[in-house]
Structure formats: structure tokens, C-alpha cells
Amino acid sequence: MLTKKNREIIEQVELVSIDSLVPQDHLLRAVEESIDFNFIYDEVKDLYSENTGRPSIDPVVLIKLLMLQA
């Protein structure tokens, strides 16, 4: 016999920091401490328009994603 349980909707909020999800000895933490990625902004500033087009993804984020794929 098929029966359905009457379930109440449970609303739960959980606050989690991204920092707590990455282990302290993870390779990405070592990369972040070793490389200052701010030089990328100077390298790509002529490739982005300040007043036309859609908002861009942060170029540093794009470079980090490429590094993760390798």
C-alpha cells in the first residue's frame, strides 16, 4: 500500500565560508600566497571597454580558472 507522509516544509539557512571548505594544505592556497595576480589587470586593461558592452568577468578569476584546468 502506498502512503504519503505529510512533510512540513523545512527552511534552513546554513552559513559556510569558502575559506573553511578549502583544506589548509591545499595547492591553491600555496599558489595564492606565492603569486600576486594584480599584474594581470595591467596586461589586459587595453582589451576591456570602460563604458560599452556587458560587464566582464574579473580577468584574474579567468586566469585562475585556466590554471585549475591544467
Protein backbone atom coordinates (compact mmCIF):
# COMPACT_ATOMS: atom_id res chain seq x y z
CA MET A 1 0.00 0.00 0.00
CA LEU A 2 1.35 3.41 -0.98
CA THR A 3 1.23 6.04 1.72
CA LYS A 4 2.48 9.56 1.68
CA LYS A 5 3.99 11.20 4.69
CA ASN A 6 2.78 14.64 5.44
CA ARG A 7 6.03 16.57 5.44
CA GLU A 8 6.29 20.10 6.61
CA ILE A 9 8.45 22.46 4.63
CA ILE A 10 11.69 22.92 6.49
CA GLU A 11 13.54 26.12 5.84
CA GLN A 12 17.13 26.06 6.94
CA VAL A 13 19.89 28.55 6.41
CA GLU A 14 23.48 27.45 6.70
CA LEU A 15 26.32 29.93 6.66
CA VAL A 16 29.54 28.50 5.30
CA SER A 17 32.66 30.40 4.36
CA ILE A 18 34.53 29.33 1.25
CA ASP A 19 37.74 29.52 3.26
CA SER A 20 36.51 26.75 5.54
CA LEU A 21 35.79 24.48 2.56
CA VAL A 22 39.38 24.52 1.25
CA PRO A 23 41.86 22.46 3.30
CA GLN A 24 44.76 24.42 4.81
CA ASP A 25 47.36 22.35 2.91
CA HIS A 26 45.64 22.63 -0.50
CA LEU A 27 47.79 23.55 -3.51
CA LEU A 28 45.59 26.54 -4.34
CA ARG A 29 46.42 28.15 -1.00
CA ALA A 30 50.14 27.88 -1.81
CA VAL A 31 49.57 29.39 -5.27
CA GLU A 32 47.55 32.25 -3.81
CA GLU A 33 50.31 33.04 -1.31
CA SER A 34 53.10 32.76 -3.91
CA ILE A 35 51.71 34.72 -6.87
CA ASP A 36 50.47 38.29 -6.87
CA PHE A 37 47.88 38.24 -9.67
CA ASN A 38 47.42 42.04 -9.76
CA PHE A 39 49.80 42.32 -12.73
CA ILE A 40 47.06 40.80 -14.92
CA TYR A 41 44.98 43.97 -14.69
CA ASP A 42 47.76 46.00 -16.30
CA GLU A 43 48.23 43.38 -19.02
CA VAL A 44 44.59 43.36 -20.11
CA LYS A 45 43.43 46.93 -19.45
CA ASP A 46 43.54 47.83 -23.17
CA LEU A 47 41.32 44.86 -24.03
CA TYR A 48 38.33 46.00 -21.96
CA SER A 49 35.99 48.92 -22.59
CA GLU A 50 35.01 51.02 -19.61
CA ASN A 51 31.67 52.21 -20.94
CA THR A 52 30.38 49.83 -23.63
CA GLY A 53 29.44 46.19 -23.63
CA ARG A 54 28.38 43.84 -20.93
CA PRO A 55 30.01 43.59 -17.52
CA SER A 56 33.06 41.36 -17.69
CA ILE A 57 34.27 38.52 -15.53
CA ASP A 58 37.28 39.55 -13.47
CA PRO A 59 40.35 38.69 -15.60
CA VAL A 60 42.18 37.35 -12.53
CA VAL A 61 39.35 34.87 -12.00
CA LEU A 62 39.63 33.77 -15.63
CA ILE A 63 43.38 33.16 -15.29
CA LYS A 64 42.87 31.21 -12.07
CA LEU A 65 40.23 29.05 -13.78
CA LEU A 66 42.68 28.29 -16.58
CA MET A 67 45.26 27.28 -14.03
CA LEU A 68 42.80 24.93 -12.37
CA GLN A 69 42.04 23.22 -15.67
CA ALA A 70 45.68 22.40 -16.36
